[in-house]
Amino acid sequence: MKHFALMVALLFGLASMAQTKMTPAEITSFKKEVLNQAGKTTSITADFEEIKHVSVLKNASTSSGIFRLKGEKLLWQYNSPKKNVMLFNKQQLKIKNDKGKITTIDLNKNKRFKQLQQLMVGSYTGNLFDEESFTITYFKNGAVKTAVLKPKSKDMSKHIKEVTLTFKNNENTVSEIKIVESSDDYSVITLKNKKLNTAINESVFQL
């Protein structure tokens, strides 16, 4: 009898932890809250940790760095295990490798990186609900809300299977991003020490 009671308790516990789909009214409210927050956000600073799972490797790899967003400028800088930097600025992407070499990419001529820019910047500015480019499903689990984006275009689907954006603790900015590649390898990026509307010196965006 004790075992039965324990099993029931465990089942109810698991059920309470499960995600459920948002109702249309909840989706409308959630999107409005995210867009309202985006309208009040001038900058975001955070540290991040990225854990990448690759099927051919036994252990996941871990990277860490800093994230800075101000207007149309987005800095994604890996500090460990190697220093690599991606800087999105309007229609241009600059990539600096660990040897200090800088490569400049015109985003108007590179669809893959353009879509990456739209996804990354949109994740933090609220312009992520692009239902023309993605099929989006919304879930909730207590104070945690998620939006699962599946690309509609064949071009993007070649590289990305789906992206899950997680909003924790009733915050209306993204706290975690999970990117599943077409090969089913995936990365989970967690933002830490996130701060909104702090002053960011322009020198941060100079490579």
N, C-alpha and C. Protein backbone atom coordinates (compact mmCIF):
# COMPACT_ATOMS: atom_id res chain seq x y z
N MET A 1 0.83 -1.20 0.00
CA MET A 1 0.00 0.00 0.00
C MET A 1 0.87 1.26 0.00
N LYS A 2 1.98 1.16 0.78
CA LYS A 2 2.89 2.31 0.83
C LYS A 2 3.51 2.55 -0.54
N HIS A 3 3.85 1.41 -1.21
CA HIS A 3 4.45 1.54 -2.53
C HIS A 3 3.46 2.15 -3.52
N PHE A 4 2.20 1.76 -3.42
CA PHE A 4 1.15 2.31 -4.28
C PHE A 4 1.01 3.81 -4.06
N ALA A 5 0.99 4.23 -2.79
CA ALA A 5 0.86 5.64 -2.46
C ALA A 5 2.05 6.44 -3.00
N LEU A 6 3.23 5.85 -2.91
CA LEU A 6 4.44 6.52 -3.41
C LEU A 6 4.37 6.66 -4.93
N MET A 7 3.90 5.60 -5.60
CA MET A 7 3.79 5.65 -7.06
C MET A 7 2.80 6.73 -7.50
N VAL A 8 1.67 6.82 -6.81
CA VAL A 8 0.66 7.85 -7.13
C VAL A 8 1.26 9.24 -6.94
N ALA A 9 2.00 9.42 -5.84
CA ALA A 9 2.61 10.71 -5.56
C ALA A 9 3.61 11.09 -6.66
N LEU A 10 4.39 10.10 -7.09
CA LEU A 10 5.37 10.36 -8.14
C LEU A 10 4.70 10.71 -9.47
N LEU A 11 3.63 9.98 -9.79
CA LEU A 11 2.92 10.24 -11.03
C LEU A 11 2.30 11.63 -11.04
N PHE A 12 1.71 12.03 -9.91
CA PHE A 12 1.13 13.36 -9.82
C PHE A 12 2.22 14.42 -9.88
N GLY A 13 3.37 14.12 -9.30
CA GLY A 13 4.49 15.05 -9.34
C GLY A 13 4.98 15.26 -10.75
N LEU A 14 5.11 14.16 -11.50
CA LEU A 14 5.55 14.25 -12.88
C LEU A 14 4.53 14.97 -13.74
N ALA A 15 3.27 14.72 -13.49
CA ALA A 15 2.21 15.38 -14.26
C ALA A 15 2.24 16.89 -14.04
N SER A 16 2.52 17.29 -12.80
CA SER A 16 2.53 18.72 -12.49
C SER A 16 3.71 19.42 -13.14
N MET A 17 4.79 18.64 -13.44
CA MET A 17 5.97 19.22 -14.06
C MET A 17 5.86 19.28 -15.57
N ALA A 18 4.87 18.61 -16.13
CA ALA A 18 4.75 18.52 -17.58
C ALA A 18 4.35 19.85 -18.19
N GLN A 19 4.83 20.06 -19.42
CA GLN A 19 4.43 21.26 -20.15
C GLN A 19 3.02 21.07 -20.71
N THR A 20 2.30 22.15 -20.81
CA THR A 20 1.01 22.13 -21.47
C THR A 20 0.97 23.26 -22.49
N LYS A 21 0.22 23.05 -23.55
CA LYS A 21 0.11 24.09 -24.58
C LYS A 21 -0.68 25.28 -24.04
N MET A 22 -0.27 26.46 -24.44
CA MET A 22 -1.02 27.66 -24.07
C MET A 22 -2.31 27.74 -24.87
N THR A 23 -3.30 28.35 -24.28
CA THR A 23 -4.55 28.61 -25.00
C THR A 23 -4.34 29.83 -25.90
N PRO A 24 -5.21 30.03 -26.89
CA PRO A 24 -5.07 31.22 -27.74
C PRO A 24 -5.02 32.52 -26.94
N ALA A 25 -5.84 32.60 -25.88
CA ALA A 25 -5.85 33.81 -25.05
C ALA A 25 -4.53 33.98 -24.32
N GLU A 26 -3.96 32.87 -23.83
CA GLU A 26 -2.67 32.93 -23.13
C GLU A 26 -1.55 33.33 -24.10
N ILE A 27 -1.62 32.83 -25.33
CA ILE A 27 -0.61 33.19 -26.33
C ILE A 27 -0.65 34.69 -26.61
N THR A 28 -1.85 35.20 -26.80
CA THR A 28 -2.01 36.64 -27.07
C THR A 28 -1.45 37.47 -25.93
N SER A 29 -1.76 37.08 -24.70
CA SER A 29 -1.28 37.80 -23.52
C SER A 29 0.24 37.73 -23.41
N PHE A 30 0.79 36.53 -23.63
CA PHE A 30 2.24 36.32 -23.54
C PHE A 30 2.98 37.17 -24.57
N LYS A 31 2.51 37.13 -25.81
CA LYS A 31 3.15 37.90 -26.88
C LYS A 31 3.09 39.40 -26.57
N LYS A 32 1.98 39.85 -26.03
CA LYS A 32 1.83 41.27 -25.69
C LYS A 32 2.83 41.67 -24.60
N GLU A 33 3.00 40.81 -23.59
CA GLU A 33 3.93 41.10 -22.50
C GLU A 33 5.37 41.16 -23.00
N VAL A 34 5.74 40.22 -23.88
CA VAL A 34 7.10 40.19 -24.43
C VAL A 34 7.36 41.44 -25.27
N LEU A 35 6.40 41.81 -26.10
CA LEU A 35 6.55 42.99 -26.95
C LEU A 35 6.59 44.27 -26.13
N ASN A 36 5.81 44.32 -25.07
CA ASN A 36 5.83 45.50 -24.17
C ASN A 36 7.20 45.65 -23.52
N GLN A 37 7.75 44.52 -23.06
CA GLN A 37 9.08 44.55 -22.45
C GLN A 37 10.14 44.98 -23.47
N ALA A 38 10.01 44.47 -24.69
CA ALA A 38 10.97 44.83 -25.73
C ALA A 38 10.95 46.33 -26.01
N GLY A 39 9.75 46.91 -25.95
CA GLY A 39 9.62 48.34 -26.18
C GLY A 39 10.29 49.18 -25.12
N LYS A 40 10.48 48.60 -23.93
CA LYS A 40 11.11 49.32 -22.82
C LYS A 40 12.59 48.99 -22.67
N THR A 41 13.08 48.07 -23.51
CA THR A 41 14.46 47.60 -23.37
C THR A 41 15.38 48.30 -24.38
N THR A 42 16.39 48.99 -23.87
CA THR A 42 17.36 49.66 -24.74
C THR A 42 18.66 48.88 -24.85
N SER A 43 18.92 48.02 -23.85
CA SER A 43 20.15 47.22 -23.90
C SER A 43 20.00 45.99 -22.99
N ILE A 44 20.79 44.97 -23.30
CA ILE A 44 20.86 43.77 -22.45
C ILE A 44 22.32 43.36 -22.32
N THR A 45 22.73 43.09 -21.10
CA THR A 45 24.06 42.52 -20.87
C THR A 45 23.88 41.22 -20.10
N ALA A 46 24.71 40.24 -20.42
CA ALA A 46 24.62 38.95 -19.72
C ALA A 46 25.89 38.14 -19.96
N ASP A 47 26.10 37.17 -19.08
CA ASP A 47 27.10 36.13 -19.33
C ASP A 47 26.32 34.94 -19.89
N PHE A 48 27.01 34.06 -20.58
CA PHE A 48 26.30 32.88 -21.07
C PHE A 48 27.17 31.63 -20.96
N GLU A 49 26.47 30.51 -20.90
CA GLU A 49 27.11 29.21 -20.95
C GLU A 49 26.44 28.41 -22.05
N GLU A 50 27.24 27.80 -22.90
CA GLU A 50 26.69 27.00 -24.00
C GLU A 50 27.17 25.56 -23.87
N ILE A 51 26.22 24.63 -23.84
CA ILE A 51 26.55 23.21 -23.79
C ILE A 51 26.11 22.59 -25.11
N LYS A 52 27.07 22.02 -25.82
CA LYS A 52 26.79 21.46 -27.15
C LYS A 52 26.88 19.94 -27.09
N HIS A 53 25.81 19.30 -27.59
CA HIS A 53 25.74 17.84 -27.63
C HIS A 53 25.87 17.39 -29.09
N VAL A 54 26.92 16.62 -29.36
CA VAL A 54 27.16 16.10 -30.71
C VAL A 54 27.13 14.58 -30.64
N SER A 55 26.34 13.96 -31.50
CA SER A 55 26.10 12.51 -31.43
C SER A 55 27.37 11.68 -31.52
N VAL A 56 28.36 12.15 -32.28
CA VAL A 56 29.58 11.34 -32.46
C VAL A 56 30.57 11.50 -31.31
N LEU A 57 30.28 12.41 -30.39
CA LEU A 57 31.16 12.62 -29.24
C LEU A 57 30.52 12.07 -27.97
N LYS A 58 31.33 11.47 -27.13
CA LYS A 58 30.82 10.85 -25.90
C LYS A 58 30.34 11.90 -24.91
N ASN A 59 31.11 12.98 -24.77
CA ASN A 59 30.79 14.00 -23.79
C ASN A 59 30.40 15.32 -24.47
N ALA A 60 29.52 16.05 -23.83
CA ALA A 60 29.13 17.36 -24.33
C ALA A 60 30.27 18.35 -24.10
N SER A 61 30.37 19.36 -24.96
CA SER A 61 31.39 20.40 -24.79
C SER A 61 30.74 21.65 -24.20
N THR A 62 31.49 22.37 -23.38
CA THR A 62 30.97 23.55 -22.71
C THR A 62 31.79 24.78 -23.08
N SER A 63 31.11 25.85 -23.45
CA SER A 63 31.76 27.13 -23.75
C SER A 63 31.08 28.21 -22.91
N SER A 64 31.78 29.32 -22.74
CA SER A 64 31.18 30.43 -21.98
C SER A 64 31.70 31.75 -22.52
N GLY A 65 30.96 32.81 -22.22
CA GLY A 65 31.37 34.12 -22.71
C GLY A 65 30.41 35.20 -22.28
N ILE A 66 30.36 36.27 -23.07
CA ILE A 66 29.49 37.42 -22.74
C ILE A 66 28.59 37.75 -23.92
N PHE A 67 27.46 38.33 -23.59
CA PHE A 67 26.46 38.74 -24.57
C PHE A 67 26.15 40.21 -24.32
N ARG A 68 26.13 41.01 -25.39
CA ARG A 68 25.78 42.42 -25.28
C ARG A 68 24.86 42.80 -26.44
N LEU A 69 23.77 43.47 -26.14
CA LEU A 69 22.83 43.92 -27.16
C LEU A 69 22.49 45.38 -26.92
N LYS A 70 22.63 46.18 -27.97
CA LYS A 70 22.29 47.61 -27.89
C LYS A 70 21.80 48.05 -29.26
N GLY A 71 20.53 48.35 -29.36
CA GLY A 71 19.98 48.72 -30.66
C GLY A 71 20.10 47.58 -31.64
N GLU A 72 20.72 47.83 -32.78
CA GLU A 72 20.90 46.79 -33.80
C GLU A 72 22.25 46.09 -33.68
N LYS A 73 22.99 46.41 -32.62
CA LYS A 73 24.31 45.81 -32.43
C LYS A 73 24.20 44.66 -31.43
N LEU A 74 24.71 43.51 -31.83
CA LEU A 74 24.69 42.34 -30.97
C LEU A 74 26.07 41.71 -30.95
N LEU A 75 26.65 41.63 -29.76
CA LEU A 75 27.97 41.02 -29.58
C LEU A 75 27.81 39.68 -28.88
N TRP A 76 28.32 38.64 -29.52
CA TRP A 76 28.29 37.29 -28.96
C TRP A 76 29.74 36.83 -28.88
N GLN A 77 30.32 36.88 -27.67
CA GLN A 77 31.75 36.65 -27.51
C GLN A 77 32.05 35.44 -26.64
N TYR A 78 32.71 34.46 -27.23
CA TYR A 78 33.16 33.29 -26.48
C TYR A 78 34.52 33.60 -25.86
N ASN A 79 34.63 33.39 -24.55
CA ASN A 79 35.90 33.61 -23.85
C ASN A 79 36.60 32.31 -23.47
N SER A 80 35.82 31.23 -23.39
CA SER A 80 36.37 29.93 -23.00
C SER A 80 35.64 28.83 -23.78
N PRO A 81 36.33 27.80 -24.27
CA PRO A 81 37.76 27.52 -24.11
C PRO A 81 38.65 28.36 -25.02
N LYS A 82 38.09 28.93 -26.10
CA LYS A 82 38.84 29.83 -26.97
C LYS A 82 38.05 31.11 -27.16
N LYS A 83 38.77 32.18 -27.45
CA LYS A 83 38.10 33.46 -27.66
C LYS A 83 37.72 33.63 -29.12
N ASN A 84 36.43 33.65 -29.38
CA ASN A 84 35.88 33.91 -30.71
C ASN A 84 34.75 34.91 -30.55
N VAL A 85 34.60 35.78 -31.53
CA VAL A 85 33.60 36.84 -31.42
C VAL A 85 32.74 36.92 -32.68
N MET A 86 31.43 37.09 -32.48
CA MET A 86 30.52 37.42 -33.57
C MET A 86 29.88 38.77 -33.25
N LEU A 87 29.97 39.70 -34.18
CA LEU A 87 29.38 41.02 -33.99
C LEU A 87 28.42 41.31 -35.13
N PHE A 88 27.12 41.35 -34.81
CA PHE A 88 26.10 41.72 -35.79
C PHE A 88 25.85 43.21 -35.66
N ASN A 89 25.88 43.91 -36.79
CA ASN A 89 25.60 45.34 -36.78
C ASN A 89 24.87 45.69 -38.07
N LYS A 90 23.56 45.87 -37.95
CA LYS A 90 22.70 46.15 -39.10
C LYS A 90 22.84 45.04 -40.14
N GLN A 91 23.37 45.35 -41.31
CA GLN A 91 23.43 44.36 -42.39
C GLN A 91 24.81 43.73 -42.51
N GLN A 92 25.57 43.79 -41.44
CA GLN A 92 26.94 43.28 -41.49
C GLN A 92 27.24 42.38 -40.29
N LEU A 93 28.01 41.33 -40.55
CA LEU A 93 28.47 40.44 -39.49
C LEU A 93 29.99 40.37 -39.56
N LYS A 94 30.64 40.60 -38.41
CA LYS A 94 32.08 40.44 -38.32
C LYS A 94 32.38 39.28 -37.39
N ILE A 95 33.26 38.38 -37.82
CA ILE A 95 33.66 37.23 -37.02
C ILE A 95 35.16 37.32 -36.76
N LYS A 96 35.54 37.28 -35.50
CA LYS A 96 36.95 37.34 -35.12
C LYS A 96 37.33 36.02 -34.46
N ASN A 97 38.30 35.30 -35.04
CA ASN A 97 38.67 34.00 -34.49
C ASN A 97 39.72 34.14 -33.39
N ASP A 98 40.13 33.02 -32.83
CA ASP A 98 41.05 33.05 -31.70
C ASP A 98 42.46 33.49 -32.08
N LYS A 99 42.72 33.58 -33.39
CA LYS A 99 44.03 34.08 -33.86
C LYS A 99 43.98 35.59 -34.12
N GLY A 100 42.79 36.18 -33.98
CA GLY A 100 42.65 37.62 -34.21
C GLY A 100 42.25 38.00 -35.61
N LYS A 101 42.06 37.00 -36.49
CA LYS A 101 41.66 37.29 -37.87
C LYS A 101 40.18 37.66 -37.92
N ILE A 102 39.87 38.73 -38.64
CA ILE A 102 38.49 39.22 -38.75
C ILE A 102 37.95 38.95 -40.15
N THR A 103 36.77 38.34 -40.21
CA THR A 103 36.08 38.10 -41.48
C THR A 103 34.78 38.91 -41.48
N THR A 104 34.53 39.63 -42.57
CA THR A 104 33.32 40.45 -42.67
C THR A 104 32.35 39.81 -43.67
N ILE A 105 31.09 39.69 -43.26
CA ILE A 105 30.07 39.05 -44.10
C ILE A 105 28.92 40.04 -44.33
N ASP A 106 28.54 40.20 -45.59
CA ASP A 106 27.38 41.02 -45.96
C ASP A 106 26.14 40.15 -45.76
N LEU A 107 25.32 40.50 -44.79
CA LEU A 107 24.16 39.67 -44.46
C LEU A 107 23.12 39.65 -45.57
N ASN A 108 23.13 40.67 -46.42
CA ASN A 108 22.18 40.68 -47.54
C ASN A 108 22.53 39.63 -48.58
N LYS A 109 23.78 39.13 -48.53
CA LYS A 109 24.23 38.15 -49.51
C LYS A 109 24.40 36.76 -48.90
N ASN A 110 24.07 36.63 -47.63
CA ASN A 110 24.23 35.34 -46.96
C ASN A 110 22.97 35.04 -46.15
N LYS A 111 22.08 34.24 -46.74
CA LYS A 111 20.78 33.97 -46.11
C LYS A 111 20.92 33.28 -44.75
N ARG A 112 21.87 32.36 -44.66
CA ARG A 112 22.01 31.59 -43.43
C ARG A 112 22.33 32.50 -42.25
N PHE A 113 23.32 33.38 -42.41
CA PHE A 113 23.69 34.28 -41.33
C PHE A 113 22.64 35.37 -41.11
N LYS A 114 21.96 35.75 -42.17
CA LYS A 114 20.88 36.73 -42.04
C LYS A 114 19.76 36.17 -41.16
N GLN A 115 19.42 34.91 -41.40
CA GLN A 115 18.39 34.26 -40.59
C GLN A 115 18.85 34.09 -39.15
N LEU A 116 20.14 33.81 -38.98
CA LEU A 116 20.69 33.69 -37.62
C LEU A 116 20.59 35.03 -36.90
N GLN A 117 20.90 36.12 -37.62
CA GLN A 117 20.78 37.45 -37.03
C GLN A 117 19.34 37.74 -36.61
N GLN A 118 18.41 37.47 -37.50
CA GLN A 118 17.00 37.74 -37.21
C GLN A 118 16.53 36.94 -36.00
N LEU A 119 17.01 35.70 -35.91
CA LEU A 119 16.62 34.84 -34.80
C LEU A 119 17.23 35.33 -33.49
N MET A 120 18.54 35.62 -33.51
CA MET A 120 19.23 36.03 -32.29
C MET A 120 18.74 37.39 -31.79
N VAL A 121 18.70 38.37 -32.69
CA VAL A 121 18.25 39.70 -32.29
C VAL A 121 16.77 39.67 -31.91
N GLY A 122 15.98 38.94 -32.70
CA GLY A 122 14.55 38.84 -32.43
C GLY A 122 14.25 38.19 -31.10
N SER A 123 15.12 37.28 -30.67
CA SER A 123 14.92 36.60 -29.39
C SER A 123 14.91 37.58 -28.23
N TYR A 124 15.63 38.68 -28.40
CA TYR A 124 15.78 39.62 -27.29
C TYR A 124 15.04 40.93 -27.49
N THR A 125 14.62 41.21 -28.73
CA THR A 125 13.90 42.45 -28.96
C THR A 125 12.39 42.24 -29.03
N GLY A 126 11.97 40.97 -29.00
CA GLY A 126 10.54 40.69 -29.05
C GLY A 126 10.03 40.44 -30.45
N ASN A 127 10.90 40.63 -31.46
CA ASN A 127 10.49 40.40 -32.84
C ASN A 127 10.72 38.94 -33.24
N LEU A 128 10.36 38.04 -32.34
CA LEU A 128 10.63 36.63 -32.58
C LEU A 128 9.39 35.87 -33.05
N PHE A 129 8.25 36.53 -33.01
CA PHE A 129 7.01 35.84 -33.38
C PHE A 129 6.73 35.98 -34.87
N ASP A 130 7.71 35.57 -35.67
CA ASP A 130 7.62 35.67 -37.13
C ASP A 130 6.94 34.41 -37.66
N GLU A 131 5.63 34.46 -37.74
CA GLU A 131 4.88 33.28 -38.14
C GLU A 131 4.89 33.05 -39.65
N GLU A 132 5.51 33.97 -40.40
CA GLU A 132 5.70 33.74 -41.83
C GLU A 132 6.91 32.83 -42.05
N SER A 133 7.91 32.96 -41.19
CA SER A 133 9.14 32.17 -41.33
C SER A 133 9.14 30.92 -40.48
N PHE A 134 8.35 30.91 -39.39
CA PHE A 134 8.36 29.79 -38.46
C PHE A 134 6.96 29.32 -38.10
N THR A 135 6.86 28.02 -37.86
CA THR A 135 5.67 27.48 -37.21
C THR A 135 5.99 27.51 -35.71
N ILE A 136 5.17 28.21 -34.94
CA ILE A 136 5.49 28.44 -33.52
C ILE A 136 4.44 27.78 -32.63
N THR A 137 4.92 27.02 -31.66
CA THR A 137 4.05 26.40 -30.66
C THR A 137 4.45 26.92 -29.29
N TYR A 138 3.46 27.28 -28.48
CA TYR A 138 3.72 27.90 -27.18
C TYR A 138 3.32 26.95 -26.05
N PHE A 139 4.19 26.86 -25.04
CA PHE A 139 3.93 25.99 -23.89
C PHE A 139 4.12 26.75 -22.59
N LYS A 140 3.55 26.20 -21.53
CA LYS A 140 3.74 26.78 -20.20
C LYS A 140 3.96 25.65 -19.19
N ASN A 141 4.69 25.98 -18.14
CA ASN A 141 4.93 25.05 -17.05
C ASN A 141 5.19 25.90 -15.81
N GLY A 142 4.13 26.25 -15.11
CA GLY A 142 4.26 27.15 -13.97
C GLY A 142 4.73 28.51 -14.44
N ALA A 143 5.86 28.98 -13.87
CA ALA A 143 6.39 30.29 -14.22
C ALA A 143 7.30 30.23 -15.44
N VAL A 144 7.43 29.06 -16.05
CA VAL A 144 8.28 28.89 -17.23
C VAL A 144 7.41 28.82 -18.49
N LYS A 145 7.78 29.64 -19.48
CA LYS A 145 7.06 29.63 -20.75
C LYS A 145 8.06 29.41 -21.87
N THR A 146 7.63 28.65 -22.88
CA THR A 146 8.53 28.36 -24.00
C THR A 146 7.82 28.58 -25.33
N ALA A 147 8.61 28.98 -26.30
CA ALA A 147 8.13 29.10 -27.68
C ALA A 147 9.03 28.21 -28.53
N VAL A 148 8.43 27.26 -29.24
CA VAL A 148 9.20 26.34 -30.09
C VAL A 148 9.00 26.76 -31.54
N LEU A 149 10.09 27.15 -32.18
CA LEU A 149 10.05 27.66 -33.54
C LEU A 149 10.62 26.62 -34.51
N LYS A 150 9.83 26.28 -35.52
CA LYS A 150 10.30 25.36 -36.56
C LYS A 150 10.29 26.12 -37.89
N PRO A 151 11.46 26.22 -38.53
CA PRO A 151 11.53 26.99 -39.78
C PRO A 151 10.68 26.40 -40.89
N LYS A 152 10.07 27.28 -41.65
CA LYS A 152 9.23 26.85 -42.76
C LYS A 152 10.04 26.70 -44.06
N SER A 153 11.07 27.52 -44.21
CA SER A 153 11.83 27.49 -45.46
C SER A 153 12.76 26.28 -45.51
N LYS A 154 12.87 25.69 -46.68
CA LYS A 154 13.75 24.53 -46.87
C LYS A 154 15.21 24.91 -46.65
N ASP A 155 15.55 26.14 -47.02
CA ASP A 155 16.93 26.60 -46.89
C ASP A 155 17.37 26.60 -45.43
N MET A 156 16.54 27.15 -44.56
CA MET A 156 16.89 27.20 -43.14
C MET A 156 16.77 25.82 -42.50
N SER A 157 15.81 25.03 -42.96
CA SER A 157 15.61 23.69 -42.40
C SER A 157 16.80 22.77 -42.65
N LYS A 158 17.62 23.11 -43.66
CA LYS A 158 18.82 22.32 -43.92
C LYS A 158 19.80 22.40 -42.75
N HIS A 159 19.73 23.50 -42.02
CA HIS A 159 20.68 23.73 -40.93
C HIS A 159 20.04 23.63 -39.55
N ILE A 160 18.81 24.12 -39.43
CA ILE A 160 18.17 24.17 -38.11
C ILE A 160 16.83 23.44 -38.15
N LYS A 161 16.67 22.48 -37.25
CA LYS A 161 15.43 21.72 -37.16
C LYS A 161 14.39 22.47 -36.34
N GLU A 162 14.81 22.97 -35.17
CA GLU A 162 13.91 23.77 -34.36
C GLU A 162 14.70 24.56 -33.32
N VAL A 163 14.08 25.61 -32.83
CA VAL A 163 14.68 26.45 -31.79
C VAL A 163 13.66 26.61 -30.67
N THR A 164 14.09 26.37 -29.44
CA THR A 164 13.21 26.55 -28.29
C THR A 164 13.70 27.73 -27.48
N LEU A 165 12.84 28.72 -27.30
CA LEU A 165 13.16 29.89 -26.49
C LEU A 165 12.43 29.76 -25.16
N THR A 166 13.18 29.86 -24.08
CA THR A 166 12.60 29.68 -22.75
C THR A 166 12.62 30.99 -21.97
N PHE A 167 11.47 31.31 -21.39
CA PHE A 167 11.30 32.50 -20.55
C PHE A 167 11.03 32.01 -19.13
N LYS A 168 11.95 32.30 -18.20
CA LYS A 168 11.82 31.78 -16.85
C LYS A 168 11.37 32.84 -15.85
N ASN A 169 10.80 32.36 -14.74
CA ASN A 169 10.45 33.22 -13.60
C ASN A 169 9.60 34.43 -13.98
N ASN A 170 8.69 34.21 -14.94
CA ASN A 170 7.79 35.26 -15.40
C ASN A 170 8.52 36.46 -16.01
N GLU A 171 9.78 36.26 -16.41
CA GLU A 171 10.49 37.32 -17.12
C GLU A 171 10.02 37.33 -18.57
N ASN A 172 10.06 38.50 -19.18
CA ASN A 172 9.60 38.61 -20.56
C ASN A 172 10.74 38.79 -21.55
N THR A 173 11.94 38.34 -21.14
CA THR A 173 13.08 38.26 -22.05
C THR A 173 13.62 36.83 -21.97
N VAL A 174 14.26 36.40 -23.05
CA VAL A 174 14.72 35.01 -23.15
C VAL A 174 15.82 34.71 -22.14
N SER A 175 15.71 33.58 -21.46
CA SER A 175 16.73 33.14 -20.51
C SER A 175 17.53 31.95 -21.03
N GLU A 176 16.93 31.21 -21.96
CA GLU A 176 17.61 30.02 -22.48
C GLU A 176 17.20 29.76 -23.92
N ILE A 177 18.17 29.34 -24.72
CA ILE A 177 17.91 29.02 -26.12
C ILE A 177 18.43 27.62 -26.40
N LYS A 178 17.59 26.78 -26.98
CA LYS A 178 18.03 25.46 -27.41
C LYS A 178 17.89 25.40 -28.93
N ILE A 179 19.01 25.12 -29.59
CA ILE A 179 19.02 25.05 -31.05
C ILE A 179 19.30 23.61 -31.46
N VAL A 180 18.33 23.00 -32.14
CA VAL A 180 18.49 21.63 -32.63
C VAL A 180 18.80 21.69 -34.12
N GLU A 181 19.94 21.13 -34.50
CA GLU A 181 20.35 21.14 -35.90
C GLU A 181 19.65 20.02 -36.67
N SER A 182 19.74 20.06 -37.97
CA SER A 182 19.07 19.05 -38.80
C SER A 182 19.60 17.65 -38.52
N SER A 183 20.84 17.56 -38.01
CA SER A 183 21.45 16.27 -37.68
C SER A 183 21.01 15.75 -36.32
N ASP A 184 20.21 16.55 -35.60
CA ASP A 184 19.76 16.29 -34.23
C ASP A 184 20.82 16.58 -33.18
N ASP A 185 22.00 17.06 -33.58
CA ASP A 185 22.93 17.63 -32.61
C ASP A 185 22.28 18.90 -32.08
N TYR A 186 22.57 19.26 -30.85
CA TYR A 186 21.92 20.45 -30.32
C TYR A 186 22.78 21.20 -29.31
N SER A 187 22.48 22.48 -29.15
CA SER A 187 23.16 23.33 -28.19
C SER A 187 22.13 23.96 -27.27
N VAL A 188 22.50 24.10 -26.00
CA VAL A 188 21.65 24.80 -25.04
C VAL A 188 22.45 25.98 -24.50
N ILE A 189 21.93 27.17 -24.72
CA ILE A 189 22.60 28.40 -24.29
C ILE A 189 21.80 29.01 -23.14
N THR A 190 22.45 29.19 -22.01
CA THR A 190 21.80 29.75 -20.82
C THR A 190 22.40 31.10 -20.49
N LEU A 191 21.55 32.12 -20.38
CA LEU A 191 22.02 33.45 -20.01
C LEU A 191 22.03 33.59 -18.49
N LYS A 192 23.11 34.18 -17.98
CA LYS A 192 23.25 34.37 -16.54
C LYS A 192 23.58 35.84 -16.26
N ASN A 193 23.24 36.27 -15.05
CA ASN A 193 23.54 37.66 -14.63
C ASN A 193 22.99 38.67 -15.62
N LYS A 194 21.80 38.40 -16.11
CA LYS A 194 21.18 39.26 -17.13
C LYS A 194 20.74 40.59 -16.53
N LYS A 195 21.09 41.69 -17.22
CA LYS A 195 20.70 43.02 -16.78
C LYS A 195 20.15 43.80 -17.96
N LEU A 196 19.06 44.52 -17.71
CA LEU A 196 18.42 45.31 -18.76
C LEU A 196 18.72 46.79 -18.57
N ASN A 197 18.86 47.48 -19.71
CA ASN A 197 18.97 48.94 -19.73
C ASN A 197 20.15 49.49 -18.95
N THR A 198 21.27 48.78 -18.97
CA THR A 198 22.49 49.33 -18.39
C THR A 198 23.29 50.00 -19.49
N ALA A 199 24.12 50.96 -19.11
CA ALA A 199 24.93 51.68 -20.11
C ALA A 199 26.00 50.76 -20.68
N ILE A 200 26.11 50.72 -22.01
CA ILE A 200 27.14 49.92 -22.67
C ILE A 200 27.98 50.87 -23.53
N ASN A 201 29.26 50.94 -23.25
CA ASN A 201 30.16 51.80 -24.01
C ASN A 201 30.29 51.30 -25.44
N GLU A 202 30.32 52.21 -26.38
CA GLU A 202 30.42 51.85 -27.80
C GLU A 202 31.69 51.05 -28.11
N SER A 203 32.72 51.22 -27.27
CA SER A 203 33.98 50.51 -27.51
C SER A 203 33.81 48.99 -27.40
N VAL A 204 32.75 48.56 -26.72
CA VAL A 204 32.47 47.13 -26.60
C VAL A 204 32.24 46.50 -27.96
N PHE A 205 31.70 47.30 -28.89
CA PHE A 205 31.36 46.79 -30.22
C PHE A 205 32.44 47.04 -31.26
N GLN A 206 33.64 47.36 -30.79
CA GLN A 206 34.78 47.54 -31.69
C GLN A 206 35.67 46.29 -31.62
N LEU A 207 35.84 45.59 -32.73
CA LEU A 207 36.68 44.39 -32.74
C LEU A 207 38.14 44.77 -32.98
